[in-house]
Amino acid sequence: MPADEMRADPRFPGALIHESAYVDEGASIGAGARIWHFVHVLADTRVGRDCVLGQNVMAGPGVTIGDGCKIQNNVALYKGVELEEGVFCGPSCVFTNVNNPRAFVNRKSEFRRTLVRRGASIGANATIVCGHTLGAYCFIAAGAVVTRDVPDYAMMAGVPARRIGWMSRAGEKLGPDLVCPAEGRRYRQTGPDQLEEIA
């Protein structure tokens, strides 16, 4: 990309913002962040350090995006969504904000919180129904529809999404031995839907 299309903004030292992006007053963007084409960051939204917001992302108002998150193209993060550090949101994944929308009923006071814990990955075109927590390092398959809380390290797929396995911190599917094939890190199952890393 030509250098003149990305610009430094004195409001956000160390961040690069594409000339077509809008960042409203009251938003904050951490150093090392890259804000690409046609992004809109609304007021009272915090974008952490070293984040990447891809083309046509909308965040806010009042959204928190932790350090090192990667938000791919065409994702909208509405009020009530909170991403901890290192979260990956695949292209066109969807976050809802109310469970029973009607065009003619104002439900802005009913927005529900959605918390995505550190290191989680959400696949392309997945839908996250509001009011739930996605556990640390979980992996939501492309096209899945999450309608309940997701355990740490869970691999979720389907409509509605169900746990079909476990994923390591490094994003590798765990076999029956619960050892990460990439890192050798070991895990143990402590309940039907509970996995923890062995120190």
N, C-alpha and C. Protein backbone atom coordinates (compact mmCIF):
# COMPACT_ATOMS: atom_id res chain seq x y z
N MET A 1 0.84 -1.18 0.00
CA MET A 1 0.00 0.00 0.00
C MET A 1 0.88 1.23 0.00
N PRO A 2 0.60 2.24 -0.84
CA PRO A 2 1.38 3.47 -0.86
C PRO A 2 1.39 4.13 0.52
N ALA A 3 2.55 4.66 0.89
CA ALA A 3 2.71 5.24 2.23
C ALA A 3 1.75 6.39 2.47
N ASP A 4 1.37 7.13 1.40
CA ASP A 4 0.53 8.29 1.62
C ASP A 4 -0.92 7.94 1.96
N GLU A 5 -1.29 6.66 1.85
CA GLU A 5 -2.65 6.26 2.21
C GLU A 5 -2.78 5.95 3.70
N MET A 6 -1.67 5.66 4.36
CA MET A 6 -1.67 5.47 5.81
C MET A 6 -1.08 6.72 6.43
N ARG A 7 -1.65 7.13 7.56
CA ARG A 7 -1.17 8.37 8.16
C ARG A 7 -1.05 8.22 9.67
N ALA A 8 -0.14 8.97 10.19
CA ALA A 8 -0.06 9.09 11.64
C ALA A 8 -1.09 10.12 12.08
N ASP A 9 -1.65 9.93 13.25
CA ASP A 9 -2.62 10.88 13.80
C ASP A 9 -2.06 11.35 15.14
N PRO A 10 -1.86 12.64 15.31
CA PRO A 10 -1.27 13.12 16.57
C PRO A 10 -2.07 12.75 17.81
N ARG A 11 -3.34 12.43 17.62
CA ARG A 11 -4.14 12.00 18.78
C ARG A 11 -3.73 10.61 19.27
N PHE A 12 -3.12 9.79 18.36
CA PHE A 12 -2.83 8.40 18.68
C PHE A 12 -1.39 8.08 18.29
N PRO A 13 -0.43 8.50 19.10
CA PRO A 13 0.98 8.31 18.75
C PRO A 13 1.32 6.84 18.50
N GLY A 14 2.01 6.59 17.40
CA GLY A 14 2.47 5.24 17.07
C GLY A 14 1.47 4.41 16.30
N ALA A 15 0.25 4.90 16.11
CA ALA A 15 -0.75 4.17 15.33
C ALA A 15 -0.74 4.67 13.89
N LEU A 16 -1.15 3.79 12.96
CA LEU A 16 -1.30 4.17 11.56
C LEU A 16 -2.76 4.01 11.16
N ILE A 17 -3.29 5.03 10.51
CA ILE A 17 -4.71 5.06 10.18
C ILE A 17 -4.87 5.39 8.70
N HIS A 18 -5.62 4.54 7.99
CA HIS A 18 -5.83 4.79 6.56
C HIS A 18 -6.62 6.08 6.37
N GLU A 19 -6.34 6.77 5.28
CA GLU A 19 -6.97 8.07 5.05
C GLU A 19 -8.48 7.98 4.89
N SER A 20 -9.02 6.80 4.59
CA SER A 20 -10.47 6.65 4.44
C SER A 20 -11.17 6.29 5.75
N ALA A 21 -10.42 6.06 6.81
CA ALA A 21 -11.01 5.66 8.09
C ALA A 21 -11.48 6.87 8.88
N TYR A 22 -12.46 6.64 9.77
CA TYR A 22 -12.96 7.68 10.67
C TYR A 22 -12.74 7.22 12.11
N VAL A 23 -12.18 8.10 12.92
CA VAL A 23 -12.03 7.83 14.35
C VAL A 23 -12.67 8.99 15.09
N ASP A 24 -13.75 8.71 15.80
CA ASP A 24 -14.50 9.77 16.48
C ASP A 24 -13.76 10.28 17.70
N GLU A 25 -14.07 11.51 18.08
CA GLU A 25 -13.53 12.07 19.32
C GLU A 25 -13.98 11.20 20.49
N GLY A 26 -13.08 11.01 21.42
CA GLY A 26 -13.38 10.20 22.60
C GLY A 26 -12.95 8.76 22.47
N ALA A 27 -12.52 8.35 21.26
CA ALA A 27 -11.96 7.01 21.07
C ALA A 27 -10.48 7.03 21.42
N SER A 28 -9.91 5.86 21.74
CA SER A 28 -8.47 5.77 21.97
C SER A 28 -7.92 4.60 21.18
N ILE A 29 -6.73 4.79 20.62
CA ILE A 29 -6.07 3.77 19.81
C ILE A 29 -4.63 3.65 20.28
N GLY A 30 -4.20 2.43 20.59
CA GLY A 30 -2.87 2.20 21.12
C GLY A 30 -1.79 2.22 20.05
N ALA A 31 -0.57 2.42 20.52
CA ALA A 31 0.58 2.43 19.62
C ALA A 31 0.71 1.10 18.90
N GLY A 32 1.13 1.17 17.64
CA GLY A 32 1.32 -0.04 16.85
C GLY A 32 0.07 -0.53 16.16
N ALA A 33 -1.08 0.07 16.47
CA ALA A 33 -2.33 -0.34 15.83
C ALA A 33 -2.34 0.11 14.37
N ARG A 34 -3.02 -0.68 13.53
CA ARG A 34 -3.20 -0.34 12.11
C ARG A 34 -4.69 -0.38 11.81
N ILE A 35 -5.19 0.76 11.34
CA ILE A 35 -6.62 0.93 11.08
C ILE A 35 -6.77 1.10 9.58
N TRP A 36 -7.41 0.13 8.91
CA TRP A 36 -7.40 0.07 7.46
C TRP A 36 -8.61 0.76 6.82
N HIS A 37 -8.84 0.47 5.54
CA HIS A 37 -9.83 1.18 4.71
C HIS A 37 -11.23 1.17 5.32
N PHE A 38 -11.86 2.34 5.34
CA PHE A 38 -13.29 2.50 5.66
C PHE A 38 -13.67 2.02 7.05
N VAL A 39 -12.71 1.96 7.95
CA VAL A 39 -13.01 1.60 9.35
C VAL A 39 -13.66 2.80 10.04
N HIS A 40 -14.59 2.52 10.95
CA HIS A 40 -15.17 3.56 11.79
C HIS A 40 -15.04 3.14 13.24
N VAL A 41 -14.26 3.92 14.00
CA VAL A 41 -14.12 3.70 15.45
C VAL A 41 -14.92 4.80 16.13
N LEU A 42 -15.98 4.40 16.85
CA LEU A 42 -16.89 5.35 17.45
C LEU A 42 -16.40 5.79 18.83
N ALA A 43 -17.05 6.81 19.36
CA ALA A 43 -16.67 7.40 20.65
C ALA A 43 -16.66 6.36 21.77
N ASP A 44 -15.80 6.62 22.74
CA ASP A 44 -15.71 5.79 23.96
C ASP A 44 -15.30 4.36 23.65
N THR A 45 -14.64 4.15 22.53
CA THR A 45 -14.12 2.82 22.18
C THR A 45 -12.62 2.82 22.38
N ARG A 46 -12.13 1.75 23.01
CA ARG A 46 -10.70 1.61 23.25
C ARG A 46 -10.15 0.51 22.36
N VAL A 47 -9.20 0.86 21.50
CA VAL A 47 -8.47 -0.11 20.68
C VAL A 47 -7.07 -0.22 21.27
N GLY A 48 -6.67 -1.43 21.65
CA GLY A 48 -5.40 -1.63 22.32
C GLY A 48 -4.20 -1.51 21.41
N ARG A 49 -3.05 -1.75 21.98
CA ARG A 49 -1.79 -1.69 21.24
C ARG A 49 -1.70 -2.83 20.24
N ASP A 50 -1.06 -2.55 19.09
CA ASP A 50 -0.73 -3.57 18.09
C ASP A 50 -1.95 -4.31 17.54
N CYS A 51 -3.09 -3.67 17.54
CA CYS A 51 -4.29 -4.26 16.94
C CYS A 51 -4.31 -3.99 15.44
N VAL A 52 -5.03 -4.83 14.71
CA VAL A 52 -5.28 -4.62 13.29
C VAL A 52 -6.79 -4.64 13.08
N LEU A 53 -7.33 -3.55 12.55
CA LEU A 53 -8.74 -3.49 12.19
C LEU A 53 -8.82 -3.44 10.67
N GLY A 54 -9.33 -4.51 10.07
CA GLY A 54 -9.37 -4.64 8.62
C GLY A 54 -10.45 -3.80 7.98
N GLN A 55 -10.51 -3.88 6.68
CA GLN A 55 -11.41 -3.04 5.89
C GLN A 55 -12.85 -3.16 6.34
N ASN A 56 -13.50 -1.99 6.50
CA ASN A 56 -14.93 -1.90 6.77
C ASN A 56 -15.33 -2.40 8.16
N VAL A 57 -14.41 -2.37 9.11
CA VAL A 57 -14.75 -2.71 10.49
C VAL A 57 -15.42 -1.51 11.15
N MET A 58 -16.44 -1.79 11.98
CA MET A 58 -17.09 -0.76 12.78
C MET A 58 -16.99 -1.20 14.24
N ALA A 59 -16.52 -0.30 15.11
CA ALA A 59 -16.37 -0.64 16.52
C ALA A 59 -16.93 0.50 17.37
N GLY A 60 -17.91 0.15 18.21
CA GLY A 60 -18.41 1.12 19.16
C GLY A 60 -19.87 1.47 18.94
N PRO A 61 -20.33 2.41 19.77
CA PRO A 61 -19.58 3.10 20.82
C PRO A 61 -19.39 2.22 22.05
N GLY A 62 -18.42 2.58 22.86
CA GLY A 62 -18.24 1.91 24.15
C GLY A 62 -17.73 0.50 24.06
N VAL A 63 -16.95 0.17 23.03
CA VAL A 63 -16.39 -1.17 22.86
C VAL A 63 -14.95 -1.19 23.35
N THR A 64 -14.53 -2.31 23.91
CA THR A 64 -13.14 -2.48 24.34
C THR A 64 -12.49 -3.59 23.51
N ILE A 65 -11.37 -3.27 22.89
CA ILE A 65 -10.60 -4.22 22.09
C ILE A 65 -9.21 -4.29 22.71
N GLY A 66 -8.84 -5.45 23.25
CA GLY A 66 -7.58 -5.60 23.96
C GLY A 66 -6.38 -5.57 23.03
N ASP A 67 -5.20 -5.53 23.63
CA ASP A 67 -3.96 -5.49 22.87
C ASP A 67 -3.83 -6.71 21.95
N GLY A 68 -3.27 -6.47 20.76
CA GLY A 68 -2.92 -7.56 19.86
C GLY A 68 -4.09 -8.27 19.20
N CYS A 69 -5.26 -7.66 19.17
CA CYS A 69 -6.41 -8.29 18.51
C CYS A 69 -6.33 -8.06 17.00
N LYS A 70 -6.88 -9.01 16.24
CA LYS A 70 -6.95 -8.87 14.79
C LYS A 70 -8.41 -9.03 14.38
N ILE A 71 -8.97 -7.96 13.83
CA ILE A 71 -10.37 -7.95 13.41
C ILE A 71 -10.36 -7.89 11.89
N GLN A 72 -10.82 -8.95 11.25
CA GLN A 72 -10.80 -9.02 9.80
C GLN A 72 -11.93 -8.20 9.18
N ASN A 73 -11.99 -8.17 7.85
CA ASN A 73 -12.91 -7.30 7.12
C ASN A 73 -14.38 -7.54 7.49
N ASN A 74 -15.14 -6.45 7.47
CA ASN A 74 -16.61 -6.48 7.55
C ASN A 74 -17.15 -7.00 8.87
N VAL A 75 -16.50 -6.66 9.97
CA VAL A 75 -16.97 -7.05 11.30
C VAL A 75 -17.48 -5.81 12.02
N ALA A 76 -18.64 -5.93 12.67
CA ALA A 76 -19.20 -4.84 13.48
C ALA A 76 -19.18 -5.27 14.95
N LEU A 77 -18.53 -4.45 15.77
CA LEU A 77 -18.48 -4.69 17.21
C LEU A 77 -19.35 -3.65 17.89
N TYR A 78 -20.50 -4.09 18.39
CA TYR A 78 -21.48 -3.17 18.95
C TYR A 78 -21.22 -2.93 20.43
N LYS A 79 -21.88 -1.92 20.97
CA LYS A 79 -21.80 -1.62 22.40
C LYS A 79 -22.12 -2.89 23.19
N GLY A 80 -21.30 -3.18 24.18
CA GLY A 80 -21.47 -4.38 24.99
C GLY A 80 -20.47 -5.47 24.66
N VAL A 81 -19.78 -5.35 23.51
CA VAL A 81 -18.76 -6.34 23.15
C VAL A 81 -17.43 -5.95 23.76
N GLU A 82 -16.80 -6.91 24.40
CA GLU A 82 -15.48 -6.69 24.99
C GLU A 82 -14.56 -7.83 24.55
N LEU A 83 -13.47 -7.48 23.88
CA LEU A 83 -12.46 -8.45 23.48
C LEU A 83 -11.24 -8.29 24.37
N GLU A 84 -10.83 -9.37 25.03
CA GLU A 84 -9.57 -9.33 25.76
C GLU A 84 -8.42 -9.41 24.76
N GLU A 85 -7.20 -9.49 25.24
CA GLU A 85 -6.04 -9.44 24.36
C GLU A 85 -5.93 -10.67 23.47
N GLY A 86 -5.38 -10.45 22.27
CA GLY A 86 -5.06 -11.55 21.38
C GLY A 86 -6.24 -12.26 20.75
N VAL A 87 -7.38 -11.61 20.63
CA VAL A 87 -8.56 -12.23 20.02
C VAL A 87 -8.50 -12.05 18.50
N PHE A 88 -8.90 -13.11 17.78
CA PHE A 88 -8.99 -13.07 16.31
C PHE A 88 -10.44 -13.16 15.91
N CYS A 89 -10.90 -12.18 15.12
CA CYS A 89 -12.27 -12.20 14.58
C CYS A 89 -12.17 -12.35 13.07
N GLY A 90 -12.64 -13.48 12.53
CA GLY A 90 -12.57 -13.75 11.10
C GLY A 90 -13.50 -12.88 10.29
N PRO A 91 -13.30 -12.84 8.98
CA PRO A 91 -14.09 -11.98 8.10
C PRO A 91 -15.59 -12.19 8.25
N SER A 92 -16.31 -11.09 8.37
CA SER A 92 -17.77 -11.09 8.37
C SER A 92 -18.39 -11.87 9.52
N CYS A 93 -17.64 -12.13 10.58
CA CYS A 93 -18.30 -12.72 11.75
C CYS A 93 -19.23 -11.68 12.36
N VAL A 94 -20.25 -12.15 13.07
CA VAL A 94 -21.34 -11.29 13.51
C VAL A 94 -21.50 -11.36 15.02
N PHE A 95 -21.60 -10.18 15.63
CA PHE A 95 -21.98 -10.07 17.05
C PHE A 95 -23.35 -9.43 17.12
N THR A 96 -24.29 -10.07 17.81
CA THR A 96 -25.60 -9.44 17.99
C THR A 96 -25.57 -8.61 19.27
N ASN A 97 -26.59 -7.78 19.47
CA ASN A 97 -26.62 -6.98 20.71
C ASN A 97 -27.91 -7.11 21.49
N VAL A 98 -28.99 -7.58 20.86
CA VAL A 98 -30.22 -7.92 21.58
C VAL A 98 -30.71 -9.25 21.05
N ASN A 99 -31.50 -9.96 21.88
CA ASN A 99 -31.97 -11.28 21.48
C ASN A 99 -33.27 -11.27 20.69
N ASN A 100 -34.03 -10.20 20.81
CA ASN A 100 -35.35 -10.19 20.18
C ASN A 100 -35.59 -8.86 19.46
N PRO A 101 -34.79 -8.56 18.43
CA PRO A 101 -34.91 -7.25 17.78
C PRO A 101 -36.20 -7.10 16.98
N ARG A 102 -36.71 -5.88 16.97
CA ARG A 102 -37.78 -5.47 16.08
C ARG A 102 -37.40 -4.09 15.56
N ALA A 103 -37.63 -3.85 14.28
CA ALA A 103 -37.29 -2.55 13.71
C ALA A 103 -38.06 -1.43 14.39
N PHE A 104 -39.27 -1.71 14.86
CA PHE A 104 -40.14 -0.67 15.40
C PHE A 104 -40.13 -0.60 16.92
N VAL A 105 -39.26 -1.40 17.60
CA VAL A 105 -39.15 -1.35 19.06
C VAL A 105 -37.73 -0.94 19.41
N ASN A 106 -37.59 0.14 20.19
CA ASN A 106 -36.27 0.61 20.61
C ASN A 106 -35.79 -0.22 21.80
N ARG A 107 -34.71 -0.97 21.59
CA ARG A 107 -34.19 -1.84 22.66
C ARG A 107 -32.74 -1.49 23.02
N LYS A 108 -32.36 -0.23 22.78
CA LYS A 108 -30.97 0.16 23.07
C LYS A 108 -30.62 0.02 24.54
N SER A 109 -31.61 0.08 25.41
CA SER A 109 -31.35 -0.10 26.85
C SER A 109 -31.21 -1.58 27.22
N GLU A 110 -31.43 -2.47 26.25
CA GLU A 110 -31.39 -3.91 26.52
C GLU A 110 -30.17 -4.61 25.93
N PHE A 111 -29.21 -3.83 25.41
CA PHE A 111 -28.00 -4.45 24.86
C PHE A 111 -27.36 -5.34 25.91
N ARG A 112 -26.93 -6.52 25.49
CA ARG A 112 -26.33 -7.49 26.41
C ARG A 112 -24.82 -7.57 26.20
N ARG A 113 -24.11 -7.78 27.29
CA ARG A 113 -22.66 -7.86 27.24
C ARG A 113 -22.21 -9.18 26.62
N THR A 114 -21.21 -9.10 25.75
CA THR A 114 -20.57 -10.28 25.18
C THR A 114 -19.08 -10.16 25.46
N LEU A 115 -18.54 -11.11 26.20
CA LEU A 115 -17.12 -11.09 26.58
C LEU A 115 -16.40 -12.20 25.84
N VAL A 116 -15.34 -11.82 25.12
CA VAL A 116 -14.49 -12.79 24.42
C VAL A 116 -13.14 -12.77 25.12
N ARG A 117 -12.80 -13.87 25.75
CA ARG A 117 -11.59 -13.92 26.58
C ARG A 117 -10.33 -14.09 25.72
N ARG A 118 -9.22 -13.88 26.35
CA ARG A 118 -7.92 -13.82 25.67
C ARG A 118 -7.65 -15.01 24.76
N GLY A 119 -7.08 -14.70 23.60
CA GLY A 119 -6.61 -15.73 22.70
C GLY A 119 -7.68 -16.48 21.92
N ALA A 120 -8.95 -16.10 22.08
CA ALA A 120 -10.02 -16.81 21.36
C ALA A 120 -9.96 -16.50 19.86
N SER A 121 -10.43 -17.44 19.05
CA SER A 121 -10.52 -17.25 17.60
C SER A 121 -11.94 -17.51 17.14
N ILE A 122 -12.46 -16.59 16.32
CA ILE A 122 -13.81 -16.70 15.78
C ILE A 122 -13.69 -16.78 14.26
N GLY A 123 -14.23 -17.84 13.67
CA GLY A 123 -14.10 -18.07 12.24
C GLY A 123 -14.99 -17.17 11.39
N ALA A 124 -14.70 -17.17 10.10
CA ALA A 124 -15.45 -16.36 9.15
C ALA A 124 -16.94 -16.70 9.19
N ASN A 125 -17.77 -15.67 9.16
CA ASN A 125 -19.23 -15.81 9.09
C ASN A 125 -19.86 -16.49 10.31
N ALA A 126 -19.11 -16.68 11.38
CA ALA A 126 -19.72 -17.18 12.62
C ALA A 126 -20.60 -16.10 13.22
N THR A 127 -21.61 -16.51 13.98
CA THR A 127 -22.49 -15.58 14.67
C THR A 127 -22.39 -15.82 16.17
N ILE A 128 -22.15 -14.74 16.91
CA ILE A 128 -22.07 -14.82 18.37
C ILE A 128 -23.30 -14.12 18.93
N VAL A 129 -24.23 -14.91 19.47
CA VAL A 129 -25.43 -14.33 20.06
C VAL A 129 -25.05 -13.66 21.37
N CYS A 130 -25.56 -12.46 21.58
CA CYS A 130 -25.14 -11.63 22.71
C CYS A 130 -25.48 -12.26 24.05
N GLY A 131 -24.79 -11.76 25.08
CA GLY A 131 -25.06 -12.19 26.45
C GLY A 131 -24.26 -13.40 26.88
N HIS A 132 -23.26 -13.79 26.09
CA HIS A 132 -22.48 -14.98 26.41
C HIS A 132 -21.00 -14.65 26.54
N THR A 133 -20.27 -15.57 27.16
CA THR A 133 -18.82 -15.44 27.30
C THR A 133 -18.15 -16.54 26.50
N LEU A 134 -17.18 -16.15 25.69
CA LEU A 134 -16.36 -17.12 24.95
C LEU A 134 -15.06 -17.28 25.72
N GLY A 135 -14.75 -18.51 26.10
CA GLY A 135 -13.62 -18.78 26.97
C GLY A 135 -12.28 -18.54 26.32
N ALA A 136 -11.26 -18.46 27.16
CA ALA A 136 -9.90 -18.22 26.69
C ALA A 136 -9.46 -19.31 25.72
N TYR A 137 -8.85 -18.90 24.62
CA TYR A 137 -8.25 -19.79 23.62
C TYR A 137 -9.26 -20.73 22.95
N CYS A 138 -10.55 -20.43 23.07
CA CYS A 138 -11.52 -21.26 22.36
C CYS A 138 -11.41 -21.00 20.86
N PHE A 139 -12.04 -21.86 20.09
CA PHE A 139 -11.96 -21.79 18.63
C PHE A 139 -13.37 -22.00 18.08
N ILE A 140 -13.92 -20.97 17.46
CA ILE A 140 -15.27 -21.04 16.91
C ILE A 140 -15.15 -21.25 15.40
N ALA A 141 -15.68 -22.36 14.90
CA ALA A 141 -15.53 -22.70 13.48
C ALA A 141 -16.28 -21.72 12.60
N ALA A 142 -15.84 -21.61 11.36
CA ALA A 142 -16.51 -20.75 10.38
C ALA A 142 -17.98 -21.16 10.26
N GLY A 143 -18.85 -20.18 10.28
CA GLY A 143 -20.27 -20.42 10.10
C GLY A 143 -21.02 -20.91 11.32
N ALA A 144 -20.33 -21.14 12.43
CA ALA A 144 -21.00 -21.61 13.64
C ALA A 144 -21.88 -20.51 14.23
N VAL A 145 -22.90 -20.92 14.99
CA VAL A 145 -23.77 -19.97 15.68
C VAL A 145 -23.71 -20.27 17.17
N VAL A 146 -23.07 -19.37 17.92
CA VAL A 146 -22.86 -19.58 19.35
C VAL A 146 -24.06 -19.03 20.11
N THR A 147 -24.73 -19.91 20.86
CA THR A 147 -25.95 -19.53 21.58
C THR A 147 -25.83 -19.74 23.09
N ARG A 148 -24.61 -20.05 23.56
CA ARG A 148 -24.40 -20.25 25.00
C ARG A 148 -22.94 -19.98 25.31
N ASP A 149 -22.61 -19.96 26.59
CA ASP A 149 -21.22 -19.75 27.00
C ASP A 149 -20.34 -20.86 26.44
N VAL A 150 -19.09 -20.50 26.14
CA VAL A 150 -18.14 -21.43 25.54
C VAL A 150 -16.99 -21.64 26.53
N PRO A 151 -16.64 -22.90 26.83
CA PRO A 151 -15.54 -23.15 27.77
C PRO A 151 -14.18 -22.74 27.20
N ASP A 152 -13.22 -22.52 28.08
CA ASP A 152 -11.84 -22.31 27.66
C ASP A 152 -11.38 -23.48 26.80
N TYR A 153 -10.63 -23.19 25.75
CA TYR A 153 -9.99 -24.17 24.86
C TYR A 153 -10.98 -25.00 24.02
N ALA A 154 -12.26 -24.72 24.10
CA ALA A 154 -13.24 -25.53 23.37
C ALA A 154 -13.19 -25.26 21.87
N MET A 155 -13.35 -26.32 21.07
CA MET A 155 -13.53 -26.18 19.63
C MET A 155 -15.01 -26.35 19.36
N MET A 156 -15.65 -25.30 18.82
CA MET A 156 -17.09 -25.26 18.64
C MET A 156 -17.43 -25.20 17.16
N ALA A 157 -18.44 -25.96 16.76
CA ALA A 157 -18.88 -25.95 15.35
C ALA A 157 -20.36 -26.26 15.30
N GLY A 158 -21.01 -25.83 14.22
CA GLY A 158 -22.39 -26.20 13.98
C GLY A 158 -23.39 -25.11 14.32
N VAL A 159 -24.67 -25.43 14.07
CA VAL A 159 -25.78 -24.52 14.32
C VAL A 159 -26.85 -25.29 15.08
N PRO A 160 -27.06 -25.05 16.37
CA PRO A 160 -26.22 -24.18 17.20
C PRO A 160 -24.87 -24.83 17.46
N ALA A 161 -23.89 -24.03 17.84
CA ALA A 161 -22.53 -24.54 18.03
C ALA A 161 -22.46 -25.48 19.23
N ARG A 162 -21.73 -26.59 19.01
CA ARG A 162 -21.48 -27.55 20.08
C ARG A 162 -19.99 -27.86 20.12
N ARG A 163 -19.53 -28.27 21.30
CA ARG A 163 -18.11 -28.59 21.41
C ARG A 163 -17.83 -29.90 20.70
N ILE A 164 -16.87 -29.86 19.75
CA ILE A 164 -16.50 -31.07 19.01
C ILE A 164 -15.06 -31.50 19.30
N GLY A 165 -14.42 -30.80 20.21
CA GLY A 165 -13.04 -31.15 20.57
C GLY A 165 -12.43 -30.04 21.39
N TRP A 166 -11.11 -30.13 21.53
CA TRP A 166 -10.34 -29.15 22.29
C TRP A 166 -9.24 -28.58 21.41
N MET A 167 -8.90 -27.31 21.65
CA MET A 167 -7.81 -26.64 20.94
C MET A 167 -6.76 -26.19 21.94
N SER A 168 -5.51 -26.24 21.53
CA SER A 168 -4.43 -25.77 22.39
C SER A 168 -4.32 -24.25 22.32
N ARG A 169 -3.53 -23.71 23.21
CA ARG A 169 -3.24 -22.28 23.21
C ARG A 169 -2.69 -21.84 21.85
N ALA A 170 -1.91 -22.72 21.21
CA ALA A 170 -1.29 -22.41 19.93
C ALA A 170 -2.24 -22.58 18.74
N GLY A 171 -3.49 -23.00 19.00
CA GLY A 171 -4.45 -23.16 17.92
C GLY A 171 -4.34 -24.48 17.19
N GLU A 172 -3.89 -25.51 17.88
CA GLU A 172 -3.79 -26.85 17.31
C GLU A 172 -4.84 -27.75 17.94
N LYS A 173 -5.47 -28.60 17.13
CA LYS A 173 -6.45 -29.54 17.66
C LYS A 173 -5.74 -30.55 18.55
N LEU A 174 -6.31 -30.78 19.73
CA LEU A 174 -5.72 -31.73 20.68
C LEU A 174 -6.27 -33.12 20.44
N GLY A 175 -5.39 -34.10 20.46
CA GLY A 175 -5.79 -35.50 20.35
C GLY A 175 -6.13 -36.05 21.72
N PRO A 176 -6.35 -37.37 21.80
CA PRO A 176 -6.72 -38.00 23.07
C PRO A 176 -5.69 -37.81 24.17
N ASP A 177 -4.40 -37.61 23.80
CA ASP A 177 -3.38 -37.42 24.83
C ASP A 177 -3.35 -36.01 25.38
N LEU A 178 -4.12 -35.09 24.77
CA LEU A 178 -4.23 -33.70 25.21
C LEU A 178 -2.86 -33.00 25.27
N VAL A 179 -2.01 -33.32 24.29
CA VAL A 179 -0.70 -32.68 24.17
C VAL A 179 -0.69 -31.88 22.87
N CYS A 180 -0.31 -30.62 22.94
CA CYS A 180 -0.28 -29.78 21.76
C CYS A 180 0.80 -30.28 20.79
N PRO A 181 0.44 -30.62 19.55
CA PRO A 181 1.42 -31.13 18.61
C PRO A 181 2.44 -30.08 18.16
N ALA A 182 2.12 -28.81 18.35
CA ALA A 182 3.05 -27.74 17.93
C ALA A 182 4.02 -27.36 19.04
N GLU A 183 3.53 -27.27 20.26
CA GLU A 183 4.35 -26.76 21.36
C GLU A 183 4.73 -27.82 22.40
N GLY A 184 4.01 -28.94 22.40
CA GLY A 184 4.25 -29.94 23.44
C GLY A 184 3.61 -29.58 24.77
N ARG A 185 2.87 -28.50 24.81
CA ARG A 185 2.19 -28.10 26.05
C ARG A 185 1.12 -29.13 26.39
N ARG A 186 0.99 -29.46 27.66
CA ARG A 186 0.08 -30.52 28.10
C ARG A 186 -1.16 -29.93 28.77
N TYR A 187 -2.28 -30.65 28.59
CA TYR A 187 -3.56 -30.23 29.16
C TYR A 187 -4.20 -31.41 29.87
N ARG A 188 -5.17 -31.12 30.73
CA ARG A 188 -5.96 -32.19 31.35
C ARG A 188 -7.40 -31.77 31.44
N GLN A 189 -8.29 -32.75 31.27
CA GLN A 189 -9.72 -32.48 31.35
C GLN A 189 -10.15 -32.67 32.79
N THR A 190 -10.80 -31.65 33.35
CA THR A 190 -11.20 -31.67 34.75
C THR A 190 -12.71 -31.78 34.92
N GLY A 191 -13.43 -31.86 33.81
CA GLY A 191 -14.88 -32.02 33.83
C GLY A 191 -15.36 -32.24 32.42
N PRO A 192 -16.64 -32.52 32.22
CA PRO A 192 -17.15 -32.80 30.87
C PRO A 192 -16.85 -31.68 29.89
N ASP A 193 -16.89 -30.44 30.34
CA ASP A 193 -16.62 -29.29 29.47
C ASP A 193 -15.58 -28.38 30.10
N GLN A 194 -14.57 -28.98 30.71
CA GLN A 194 -13.52 -28.18 31.34
C GLN A 194 -12.16 -28.76 30.99
N LEU A 195 -11.28 -27.86 30.53
CA LEU A 195 -9.91 -28.25 30.21
C LEU A 195 -9.00 -27.22 30.83
N GLU A 196 -7.87 -27.68 31.35
CA GLU A 196 -6.90 -26.73 31.89
C GLU A 196 -5.50 -27.13 31.47
N GLU A 197 -4.66 -26.12 31.41
CA GLU A 197 -3.26 -26.34 31.07
C GLU A 197 -2.54 -26.87 32.29
N ILE A 198 -1.65 -27.85 32.05
CA ILE A 198 -0.84 -28.38 33.16
C ILE A 198 0.38 -27.51 33.29
N ALA A 199 0.57 -26.96 34.48
CA ALA A 199 1.71 -26.04 34.70
C ALA A 199 3.03 -26.79 34.58
